């Protein structure tokens, strides 16, 4: 199911490294499944906890899983939702509370306008049961995510709970495989998440214990960037080294192009982030500087609403084969963004997603990213 070149999943093959856009509630904003396929997207990330709230497990079971419900026939990774819950609870305790055996999540938070329930009690067992209801290709264990500002004591508690919850997730995962009589060759993959913040001893403890339990892949838990907005390179590399080399190394939530390039060189092979789609909705696209060298990883930022584009009749990128660049001019895209037409966000999103799938192709074609020209790892100035 896993080799050095690709993931062989129930809903298709995924060449590695791969980038999965975020479709939190079962949709990538501004585009549909056909658009995603046209951009070469090989898989999506969806959020278990949010999907449990809306549309709910009953609806997903009725459709036989998230793929049939969403009209997406390629792989889906369902995140546990732990990161989002902890972030919300930190903002306001009315969103829920963290207990040693479970999470209490109130989807409506302060407003009280939730989904199908005013309160969700989320345990490691329910986390896995729901992901089986989603019929996802890759499942993520429930983990306790900390903030970079948390103390050593809080971070240590998060590691202890992450390990205990992972044990319970693995047990329930095996139980569900037996109940559903799913053969090994057709089973979903189960990933665990290594927490520990910036403390190497806690990262080492978490990685050692999770590896002993045994999972198909391991994710980098916590914040991959520091307060200054820069990658925490040392901790990212240290955590990658803790992960078995014959397993998938997942850089969760990491998505700036230069960060993806650096982490691919560290050994990470799976990425996800809201950045390409969010940036597209905010007038910012990515363009490769590859007019002379198709293998170059250098890129630049393209600002759609820069007035110099008002009369430009060329595409955003002459080397890009996305639907936007294949048919429309910079001037027309400027016009769409200026008038606020929804087509602008669709075209911009498709372009950025195609940029990311091309980025993955370039990294795959670069046999040894660690030995590539260092200048290629630096984004070009806009």
Protein backbone atom coordinates (compact mmCIF):
# COMPACT_ATOMS: atom_id res chain seq x y z
CA UNK A 1 0.00 0.00 0.00
CA UNK A 2 2.98 2.30 0.53
CA UNK A 3 6.18 2.45 -1.49
CA UNK A 4 8.80 5.12 -2.02
CA UNK A 5 7.04 6.49 -5.08
CA UNK A 6 3.32 6.43 -4.36
CA UNK A 7 0.43 5.57 -2.09
CA UNK A 8 -1.90 2.87 -3.35
CA UNK A 9 -5.23 3.75 -1.77
CA UNK A 10 -8.76 2.49 -2.15
CA UNK A 11 -9.80 5.46 -4.25
CA UNK A 12 -6.69 5.64 -6.38
CA UNK A 13 -2.95 6.07 -6.52
CA UNK A 14 -1.20 9.12 -5.12
CA UNK A 15 2.29 9.93 -6.47
CA UNK A 16 4.66 11.13 -3.74
CA UNK A 17 5.31 13.74 -2.61
CA UNK A 18 1.74 14.99 -2.77
CA UNK A 19 -0.20 18.06 -1.74
CA UNK A 20 -3.83 17.70 -0.64
CA UNK A 21 -5.98 20.87 -0.65
CA UNK A 22 -8.24 21.39 2.36
CA UNK A 23 -11.92 20.64 1.84
CA UNK A 24 -12.89 21.01 5.49
CA UNK A 25 -16.65 20.54 5.17
CA UNK A 26 -16.45 18.33 2.08
CA UNK A 27 -15.73 21.07 -0.47
CA UNK A 28 -12.77 23.13 -1.64
CA UNK A 29 -14.04 26.68 -1.79
CA UNK A 30 -14.85 28.12 -5.22
CA UNK A 31 -14.22 24.92 -7.22
CA UNK A 32 -15.92 21.58 -7.84
CA UNK A 33 -14.59 18.06 -8.20
CA UNK A 34 -14.18 18.42 -11.96
CA UNK A 35 -12.06 21.54 -11.49
CA UNK A 36 -9.90 19.71 -8.96
CA UNK A 37 -9.35 16.79 -11.33
CA UNK A 38 -8.45 19.18 -14.18
CA UNK A 39 -5.79 20.71 -11.93
CA UNK A 40 -4.25 17.32 -11.20
CA UNK A 41 -5.28 17.16 -7.54
CA UNK A 42 -4.77 13.61 -6.33
CA UNK A 43 -6.48 13.81 -2.93
CA UNK A 44 -8.27 16.06 -0.43
CA UNK A 45 -8.13 16.64 3.32
CA UNK A 46 -11.44 16.89 5.17
CA UNK A 47 -12.15 17.50 8.84
CA UNK A 48 -13.82 14.76 10.87
CA UNK A 49 -15.05 16.91 13.71
CA UNK A 50 -16.60 19.54 11.47
CA UNK A 51 -18.21 16.88 9.28
CA UNK A 52 -19.63 15.25 12.38
CA UNK A 53 -21.39 18.53 13.06
CA UNK A 54 -22.48 19.13 9.45
CA UNK A 55 -23.79 17.04 7.67
CA UNK A 56 -23.45 14.38 10.39
CA UNK A 57 -22.62 10.68 10.43
CA UNK A 58 -26.14 9.58 9.50
CA UNK A 59 -26.05 11.42 6.18
CA UNK A 60 -22.57 10.10 5.33
CA UNK A 61 -23.56 6.52 6.17
CA UNK A 62 -26.63 6.92 3.96
CA UNK A 63 -24.37 7.82 1.02
CA UNK A 64 -21.83 5.13 1.81
CA UNK A 65 -19.11 7.64 2.66
CA UNK A 66 -17.78 11.07 1.93
CA UNK A 67 -16.76 10.33 -1.68
CA UNK A 68 -20.26 9.51 -2.87
CA UNK A 69 -21.69 12.43 -0.91
CA UNK A 70 -19.25 14.94 -2.44
CA UNK A 71 -18.97 13.50 -5.94
CA UNK A 72 -15.22 13.06 -5.48
CA UNK A 73 -13.83 9.69 -6.59
CA UNK A 74 -10.20 10.22 -5.60
CA UNK A 75 -8.57 9.69 -2.17
CA UNK A 76 -9.68 11.52 0.96
CA UNK A 77 -7.69 12.01 4.15
CA UNK A 78 -9.87 12.79 7.17
CA UNK A 79 -8.12 14.77 9.87
CA UNK A 80 -9.28 14.20 13.43
CA UNK A 81 -10.08 17.89 13.92
CA UNK A 82 -8.03 18.13 17.09
CA UNK A 83 -5.95 21.07 15.87
CA UNK A 84 -9.02 23.14 15.01
CA UNK A 85 -10.79 22.34 18.27
CA UNK A 86 -7.84 23.28 20.43
CA UNK A 87 -7.43 26.51 18.48
CA UNK A 88 -11.09 27.40 18.99
CA UNK A 89 -11.04 26.55 22.68
CA UNK A 90 -8.00 28.78 23.13
CA UNK A 91 -9.91 31.64 21.55
CA UNK A 92 -12.92 31.14 23.78
CA UNK A 93 -13.64 28.44 26.36
CA UNK A 94 -17.29 28.44 25.30
CA UNK A 95 -16.26 26.34 22.31
CA UNK A 96 -15.55 23.39 24.59
CA UNK A 97 -13.12 21.82 26.99
CA UNK A 98 -10.32 19.27 27.00
CA UNK A 99 -10.58 16.26 29.31
CA UNK A 100 -8.19 13.37 29.76
CA UNK A 101 -10.57 10.89 28.13
CA UNK A 102 -12.41 13.07 25.64
CA UNK A 103 -13.02 16.43 24.00
CA UNK A 104 -16.19 18.43 24.51
CA UNK A 105 -16.87 20.52 21.42
CA UNK A 106 -19.69 23.05 21.00
CA UNK A 107 -19.88 23.75 17.25
CA UNK A 108 -21.92 26.92 17.70
CA UNK A 109 -19.41 28.37 20.13
CA UNK A 110 -20.42 31.78 21.37
CA UNK A 111 -23.17 32.29 18.80
CA UNK A 112 -24.98 29.08 19.66
CA UNK A 113 -25.55 28.41 15.95
CA UNK A 114 -24.08 24.95 15.56
CA UNK A 115 -24.79 22.09 13.23
CA UNK A 116 -26.83 19.03 14.08
CA UNK A 117 -25.96 19.10 17.76
CA UNK A 118 -25.34 21.68 20.46
CA UNK A 119 -22.52 19.60 21.87
CA UNK A 120 -20.25 16.87 20.54
CA UNK A 121 -18.47 14.51 22.90
CA UNK A 122 -15.42 13.40 20.96
CA UNK A 123 -13.44 10.38 22.15
CA UNK A 124 -10.65 8.51 20.35
CA UNK A 125 -13.14 5.71 19.67
CA UNK A 126 -15.74 8.06 18.19
CA UNK A 127 -13.02 9.71 16.14
CA UNK A 128 -12.18 6.41 14.45
CA UNK A 129 -15.79 5.24 14.16
CA UNK A 130 -16.74 8.43 12.37
CA UNK A 131 -13.82 8.21 9.98
CA UNK A 132 -14.96 4.71 9.05
CA UNK A 133 -18.41 6.19 8.40
CA UNK A 134 -16.68 8.63 6.06
CA UNK A 135 -15.04 5.64 4.32
CA UNK A 136 -11.88 7.72 4.02
CA UNK A 137 -8.60 6.43 2.60
CA UNK A 138 -6.37 7.84 5.35
CA UNK A 139 -7.47 8.34 8.96
CA UNK A 140 -5.73 10.44 11.61
CA UNK A 141 -5.63 9.60 15.31
CA UNK A 142 -7.02 12.12 17.76
CA UNK A 143 -4.17 14.11 19.27
CA UNK A 144 -3.69 16.97 21.72
CA UNK A 145 -2.23 19.98 19.92
CA UNK A 146 -0.44 22.64 21.96
CA UNK A 147 0.47 26.26 21.29
CA UNK A 148 4.12 27.34 20.91
CA UNK A 149 3.71 29.49 24.02
CA UNK A 150 2.64 26.55 26.22
CA UNK A 151 4.83 25.54 29.14
CA UNK A 152 6.84 22.34 29.33
CA UNK A 153 4.27 20.89 31.76
CA UNK A 154 1.34 21.55 29.41
CA UNK A 155 3.28 20.18 26.45
CA UNK A 156 4.21 17.07 28.42
CA UNK A 157 0.55 16.48 29.25
CA UNK A 158 -0.33 16.83 25.57
CA UNK A 159 2.26 14.17 24.68
CA UNK A 160 0.97 11.79 27.35
CA UNK A 161 -2.63 12.19 26.15
CA UNK A 162 -1.63 11.97 22.49
CA UNK A 163 0.05 8.61 23.16
CA UNK A 164 -2.91 7.27 25.18
CA UNK A 165 -5.42 8.46 22.62
CA UNK A 166 -3.36 6.91 19.81
CA UNK A 167 -3.42 3.56 21.60
CA UNK A 168 -7.20 3.77 21.89
CA UNK A 169 -7.52 4.86 18.25
CA UNK A 170 -5.43 1.91 17.07
CA UNK A 171 -7.48 -0.52 19.16
CA UNK A 172 -10.76 0.83 17.76
CA UNK A 173 -9.32 0.86 14.25
CA UNK A 174 -8.52 -2.86 14.46
CA UNK A 175 -11.95 -3.48 15.98
CA UNK A 176 -13.67 -1.72 13.07
CA UNK A 177 -11.64 -3.66 10.51
CA UNK A 178 -12.80 -6.90 12.14
CA UNK A 179 -16.45 -5.84 12.45
CA UNK A 180 -16.58 -4.65 8.83
CA UNK A 181 -14.53 -7.63 7.59
CA UNK A 182 -12.21 -5.36 5.62
CA UNK A 183 -9.27 -7.29 4.13
CA UNK A 184 -5.77 -5.97 4.66
CA UNK A 185 -5.31 -5.10 0.99
CA UNK A 186 -8.38 -2.86 1.07
CA UNK A 187 -8.04 -1.23 4.47
CA UNK A 188 -7.72 2.51 5.06
CA UNK A 189 -4.39 3.76 6.41
CA UNK A 190 -4.04 5.05 9.96
CA UNK A 191 -1.65 7.87 10.84
CA UNK A 192 -0.57 9.11 14.27
CA UNK A 193 0.64 12.62 15.13
CA UNK A 194 3.90 13.40 16.92
CA UNK A 195 3.50 16.22 19.42
CA UNK A 196 6.04 17.79 21.77
CA UNK A 197 6.24 21.43 20.74
CA UNK A 198 9.77 22.75 20.67
CA UNK A 199 11.01 20.28 23.31
CA UNK A 200 13.19 17.61 21.74
CA UNK A 201 12.91 15.19 24.65
CA UNK A 202 9.11 15.29 24.42
CA UNK A 203 9.20 14.89 20.64
CA UNK A 204 11.49 11.90 21.07
CA UNK A 205 9.20 10.36 23.72
CA UNK A 206 6.12 10.83 21.56
CA UNK A 207 7.80 9.51 18.42
CA UNK A 208 9.23 6.46 20.20
CA UNK A 209 5.94 5.47 21.82
CA UNK A 210 3.86 6.00 18.68
CA UNK A 211 6.32 4.02 16.59
CA UNK A 212 6.09 1.17 19.10
CA UNK A 213 2.30 1.11 18.67
CA UNK A 214 2.73 1.01 14.91
CA UNK A 215 1.05 3.18 12.27
CA UNK A 216 1.09 3.59 8.49
CA UNK A 217 2.30 7.16 8.70
CA UNK A 218 3.22 9.91 11.12
CA UNK A 219 2.36 13.58 11.10
CA UNK A 220 4.20 16.59 12.45
CA UNK A 221 1.97 17.89 15.22
CA UNK A 222 1.88 21.48 16.39
CA UNK A 223 2.89 24.69 14.66
CA UNK A 224 5.46 24.35 11.86
CA UNK A 225 6.23 28.08 12.01
CA UNK A 226 7.51 30.21 14.85
CA UNK A 227 6.27 33.59 16.12
CA UNK A 228 8.40 35.26 13.43
CA UNK A 229 6.53 33.39 10.70
CA UNK A 230 9.58 31.32 9.74
CA UNK A 231 9.73 27.53 9.63
CA UNK A 232 11.00 25.84 12.76
CA UNK A 233 13.51 23.98 10.60
CA UNK A 234 15.35 22.25 13.43
CA UNK A 235 12.22 20.78 15.04
CA UNK A 236 10.74 19.82 11.67
CA UNK A 237 13.91 17.96 10.73
CA UNK A 238 14.26 16.40 14.18
CA UNK A 239 10.67 15.14 14.06
CA UNK A 240 11.08 13.79 10.52
CA UNK A 241 14.14 11.85 11.70
CA UNK A 242 12.03 10.28 14.46
CA UNK A 243 9.62 8.86 11.89
CA UNK A 244 10.37 5.46 10.30
CA UNK A 245 11.73 5.91 6.79
CA UNK A 246 9.41 3.24 5.39
CA UNK A 247 6.33 5.17 6.52
CA UNK A 248 4.63 8.31 5.23
CA UNK A 249 5.94 11.52 6.80
CA UNK A 250 3.14 14.08 6.84
CA UNK A 251 3.82 17.81 7.30
CA UNK A 252 0.38 18.75 8.53
CA UNK A 253 -0.87 22.23 7.73
CA UNK A 254 2.35 23.26 6.01
CA UNK A 255 1.75 24.88 2.67
CA UNK A 256 3.89 27.84 1.59
CA UNK A 257 5.79 26.73 -1.51
CA UNK A 258 9.27 27.36 -0.11
CA UNK A 259 8.29 25.51 3.08
CA UNK A 260 7.05 22.55 1.07
CA UNK A 261 10.31 22.45 -0.87
CA UNK A 262 12.40 22.53 2.30
CA UNK A 263 10.33 19.89 4.07
CA UNK A 264 10.37 17.59 1.04
CA UNK A 265 14.17 17.70 1.32
CA UNK A 266 13.80 16.73 4.99
CA UNK A 267 11.89 13.60 4.03
CA UNK A 268 8.25 14.69 4.30
CA UNK A 269 6.12 13.36 1.46
CA UNK A 270 2.59 14.56 2.21
CA UNK A 271 1.39 18.15 2.68
CA UNK A 272 -1.85 20.05 3.11
CA UNK A 273 -2.81 23.66 3.70
CA UNK A 274 -5.47 26.29 2.98
CA UNK A 275 -2.85 28.66 1.55
CA UNK A 276 -3.31 28.09 -2.23
CA UNK A 277 -7.08 28.46 -2.10
CA UNK A 278 -7.14 31.26 0.47
CA UNK A 279 -4.47 33.25 -1.36
CA UNK A 280 -6.42 32.92 -4.60
CA UNK A 281 -9.44 34.54 -2.97
CA UNK A 282 -7.24 37.39 -1.81
CA UNK A 283 -5.70 38.45 -5.13
CA UNK A 284 -2.45 36.52 -4.76
CA UNK A 285 -1.33 33.85 -7.19
CA UNK A 286 1.90 31.87 -7.58
CA UNK A 287 3.89 31.73 -10.81
CA UNK A 288 6.96 29.64 -11.59
CA UNK A 289 10.02 31.43 -12.92
CA UNK A 290 10.65 28.61 -15.37
CA UNK A 291 10.83 30.28 -18.77
CA UNK A 292 14.32 28.91 -19.31
CA UNK A 293 14.38 25.91 -17.00
CA UNK A 294 11.26 23.78 -16.58
CA UNK A 295 12.84 22.07 -13.56
CA UNK A 296 13.37 25.30 -11.64
CA UNK A 297 11.62 25.57 -8.28
CA UNK A 298 11.92 29.35 -8.18
CA UNK A 299 8.61 31.17 -8.14
CA UNK A 300 7.21 34.65 -7.75
CA UNK A 301 4.08 36.20 -6.33
CA UNK A 302 1.55 37.53 -8.82
CA UNK A 303 -0.87 40.18 -7.58
CA UNK A 304 -3.95 40.13 -9.79
CA UNK A 305 -5.06 43.68 -8.93
CA UNK A 306 -1.75 45.32 -9.72
CA UNK A 307 -2.78 48.06 -12.19
CA UNK A 308 -0.03 47.09 -14.61
CA UNK A 309 -2.21 44.11 -15.60
CA UNK A 310 -5.21 46.21 -16.77
CA UNK A 311 -4.41 45.87 -20.49
CA UNK A 312 -2.17 42.80 -20.55
CA UNK A 313 -3.40 40.29 -23.09
CA UNK A 314 -1.08 37.43 -22.04
CA UNK A 315 -1.96 34.72 -19.49
CA UNK A 316 -0.90 34.78 -15.85
CA UNK A 317 1.78 32.21 -16.71
CA UNK A 318 2.68 31.14 -20.26
CA UNK A 319 4.01 27.80 -18.99
CA UNK A 320 0.94 26.90 -16.91
CA UNK A 321 -1.67 24.56 -18.37
CA UNK A 322 -4.49 25.38 -15.93
CA UNK A 323 -7.92 26.39 -17.31
CA UNK A 324 -7.29 30.00 -16.30
CA UNK A 325 -3.98 30.36 -18.14
CA UNK A 326 -5.17 28.31 -21.08
CA UNK A 327 -8.01 30.65 -22.02
CA UNK A 328 -8.00 33.99 -20.21
CA UNK A 329 -5.79 37.07 -20.17
CA UNK A 330 -4.33 38.93 -17.22
CA UNK A 331 -6.54 41.86 -18.13
CA UNK A 332 -9.71 39.77 -17.97
CA UNK A 333 -8.72 38.23 -14.65
CA UNK A 334 -8.03 41.73 -13.31
CA UNK A 335 -11.50 42.75 -14.47
CA UNK A 336 -13.16 39.77 -12.75
CA UNK A 337 -11.41 40.43 -9.45
CA UNK A 338 -12.12 44.16 -9.67
CA UNK A 339 -15.84 43.54 -10.15
CA UNK A 340 -15.95 40.82 -7.51
CA UNK A 341 -17.33 38.20 -9.86
CA UNK A 342 -17.28 34.68 -8.42
CA UNK A 343 -15.59 33.41 -11.58
CA UNK A 344 -12.48 35.28 -10.45
CA UNK A 345 -12.11 33.11 -7.37
CA UNK A 346 -12.74 29.94 -9.33
CA UNK A 347 -10.11 30.75 -11.95
CA UNK A 348 -7.59 32.00 -9.38
CA UNK A 349 -8.11 28.93 -7.21
CA UNK A 350 -7.61 26.58 -10.15
CA UNK A 351 -4.40 28.36 -11.08
CA UNK A 352 -2.95 28.12 -7.56
CA UNK A 353 -3.94 24.48 -7.23
CA UNK A 354 -2.32 23.68 -10.55
CA UNK A 355 0.79 25.54 -9.37
CA UNK A 356 0.93 23.22 -6.34
CA UNK A 357 0.41 20.05 -8.35
CA UNK A 358 3.15 21.21 -10.72
CA UNK A 359 5.35 21.93 -7.71
CA UNK A 360 4.89 18.32 -6.59
CA UNK A 361 5.74 17.12 -10.11
CA UNK A 362 8.91 19.21 -10.14
CA UNK A 363 9.99 17.88 -6.74
CA UNK A 364 9.32 14.30 -7.86
CA UNK A 365 11.39 14.88 -10.98
CA UNK A 366 14.22 16.29 -8.90
CA UNK A 367 15.71 13.00 -7.74
CA UNK A 368 17.59 14.52 -4.82
CA UNK A 369 16.10 17.82 -3.58
CA UNK A 370 18.76 18.02 -0.88
CA UNK A 371 21.42 18.47 -3.53
CA UNK A 372 19.56 20.93 -5.72
CA UNK A 373 20.85 24.44 -6.28
CA UNK A 374 20.20 26.36 -3.03
CA UNK A 375 19.08 29.33 -5.10
CA UNK A 376 16.21 27.23 -6.39
CA UNK A 377 14.81 26.97 -2.88
CA UNK A 378 14.36 30.73 -2.60
CA UNK A 379 11.22 32.35 -4.07
CA UNK A 380 11.94 34.96 -6.69
CA UNK A 381 11.10 38.54 -5.87
CA UNK A 382 7.85 39.80 -7.31
